[in-house]
Every structure is written in C-alpha cells, then in structure tokens.
Amino acid sequence: MPYVTTADGAEDSKKIDVPCQSTGVLSATLVQQPTLKIYPGFPHGMCTTHPEVINPDLLAFIKG
C-alpha cells in the first residue's frame, strides 16, 4: 500500500505562506490506495522531536 506523509506545519506555516495540509491531501489523491498521515502540531524536524511516533510510521513505510 503506498504511503503519503506530511507534517502539519501549522506553526511553521505562520512564518511562510505554504498550504501544507492542502498539498498533502492533493498529493494523496494522485496515488492509488494512499495512506495519508498528518501530524498536527509537529514541526518539520518531527523525526527528531517525536521519534516515538514517527519511527514506527517510517518503518511501516519502508516495509511497504
């Protein structure tokens, strides 16, 4: 099953004009049977700040 992941980026988006949530949702519509994971409030460095949440999801993605 293909995965599409995205960071929420809400706090970071306040600094720059990037529609993070809408681009992640749009990307997921381009993939057959996607799994879209949005991590509300997580920063762009979420692999470092929240490894207990991100690492299992990354492993699932790698194992496909």
C-alpha atoms as a PDB file:
ATOM      1  CA  MET A   1       0.000   0.000   0.000  1.00  0.00           C
ATOM      2  CA  PRO A   2       1.550   3.381  -0.968  1.00  0.00           C
ATOM      3  CA  TYR A   3       2.072   5.942   1.756  1.00  0.00           C
ATOM      4  CA  VAL A   4       1.938   9.718   1.583  1.00  0.00           C
ATOM      5  CA  THR A   5       3.140  11.515   4.693  1.00  0.00           C
ATOM      6  CA  THR A   6       3.127  15.173   5.597  1.00  0.00           C
ATOM      7  CA  ALA A   7       3.835  17.321   8.615  1.00  0.00           C
ATOM      8  CA  ASP A   8       1.040  19.534   9.828  1.00  0.00           C
ATOM      9  CA  GLY A   9       3.374  22.535   9.771  1.00  0.00           C
ATOM     10  CA  ALA A  10       0.725  24.870  11.184  1.00  0.00           C
ATOM     11  CA  GLU A  11       3.185  26.771  13.346  1.00  0.00           C
ATOM     12  CA  ASP A  12       5.816  26.896  10.613  1.00  0.00           C
ATOM     13  CA  SER A  13       3.203  27.955   8.060  1.00  0.00           C
ATOM     14  CA  LYS A  14       2.514  31.086  10.082  1.00  0.00           C
ATOM     15  CA  LYS A  15       6.029  32.218   9.138  1.00  0.00           C
ATOM     16  CA  ILE A  16       5.703  31.401   5.436  1.00  0.00           C
ATOM     17  CA  ASP A  17       2.761  31.088   3.066  1.00  0.00           C
ATOM     18  CA  VAL A  18       2.597  27.327   2.359  1.00  0.00           C
ATOM     19  CA  PRO A  19      -0.691  25.407   2.347  1.00  0.00           C
ATOM     20  CA  CYS A  20       0.825  22.261   3.939  1.00  0.00           C
ATOM     21  CA  GLN A  21      -2.387  20.452   4.693  1.00  0.00           C
ATOM     22  CA  SER A  22      -3.960  21.069   1.298  1.00  0.00           C
ATOM     23  CA  THR A  23      -0.826  19.990  -0.593  1.00  0.00           C
ATOM     24  CA  GLY A  24      -0.611  16.750   1.394  1.00  0.00           C
ATOM     25  CA  VAL A  25      -4.244  15.969   0.690  1.00  0.00           C
ATOM     26  CA  LEU A  26      -3.774  16.788  -3.006  1.00  0.00           C
ATOM     27  CA  SER A  27      -0.689  14.555  -3.206  1.00  0.00           C
ATOM     28  CA  ALA A  28      -2.645  11.672  -1.693  1.00  0.00           C
ATOM     29  CA  THR A  29      -5.282  11.950  -4.415  1.00  0.00           C
ATOM     30  CA  LEU A  30      -2.605  11.275  -7.044  1.00  0.00           C
ATOM     31  CA  VAL A  31      -1.630   7.881  -5.590  1.00  0.00           C
ATOM     32  CA  GLN A  32      -3.690   4.687  -5.764  1.00  0.00           C
ATOM     33  CA  GLN A  33      -4.785   3.447  -2.321  1.00  0.00           C
ATOM     34  CA  PRO A  34      -2.796   6.040  -0.355  1.00  0.00           C
ATOM     35  CA  THR A  35      -2.317   6.250   3.379  1.00  0.00           C
ATOM     36  CA  LEU A  36      -2.116   9.907   4.365  1.00  0.00           C
ATOM     37  CA  LYS A  37      -0.753  10.682   7.804  1.00  0.00           C
ATOM     38  CA  ILE A  38      -0.938  14.233   9.128  1.00  0.00           C
ATOM     39  CA  TYR A  39       0.824  15.020  12.381  1.00  0.00           C
ATOM     40  CA  PRO A  40      -0.948  18.061  13.881  1.00  0.00           C
ATOM     41  CA  GLY A  41       1.403  20.491  15.566  1.00  0.00           C
ATOM     42  CA  PHE A  42       4.567  18.585  14.630  1.00  0.00           C
ATOM     43  CA  PRO A  43       7.463  20.725  13.314  1.00  0.00           C
ATOM     44  CA  HIS A  44       9.480  19.998  10.181  1.00  0.00           C
ATOM     45  CA  GLY A  45      12.074  18.297  12.400  1.00  0.00           C
ATOM     46  CA  MET A  46       9.477  15.836  13.665  1.00  0.00           C
ATOM     47  CA  CYS A  47      11.786  12.827  13.224  1.00  0.00           C
ATOM     48  CA  THR A  48      13.971  14.295  15.935  1.00  0.00           C
ATOM     49  CA  THR A  49      11.345  15.830  18.213  1.00  0.00           C
ATOM     50  CA  HIS A  50       8.822  12.957  18.107  1.00  0.00           C
ATOM     51  CA  PRO A  51      10.720   9.751  17.205  1.00  0.00           C
ATOM     52  CA  GLU A  52       8.353   7.569  19.258  1.00  0.00           C
ATOM     53  CA  VAL A  53       5.542   8.499  16.850  1.00  0.00           C
ATOM     54  CA  ILE A  54       7.417   8.946  13.578  1.00  0.00           C
ATOM     55  CA  ASN A  55       9.791   5.954  13.652  1.00  0.00           C
ATOM     56  CA  PRO A  56       7.062   3.262  13.631  1.00  0.00           C
ATOM     57  CA  ASP A  57       5.348   5.038  10.735  1.00  0.00           C
ATOM     58  CA  LEU A  58       8.629   5.314   8.808  1.00  0.00           C
ATOM     59  CA  LEU A  59       9.347   1.628   9.348  1.00  0.00           C
ATOM     60  CA  ALA A  60       5.871   0.726   8.078  1.00  0.00           C
ATOM     61  CA  PHE A  61       6.511   2.882   5.006  1.00  0.00           C
ATOM     62  CA  ILE A  62       9.884   1.257   4.336  1.00  0.00           C
ATOM     63  CA  LYS A  63       8.458  -2.246   4.726  1.00  0.00           C
ATOM     64  CA  GLY A  64       5.676  -1.222   2.332  1.00  0.00           C
END
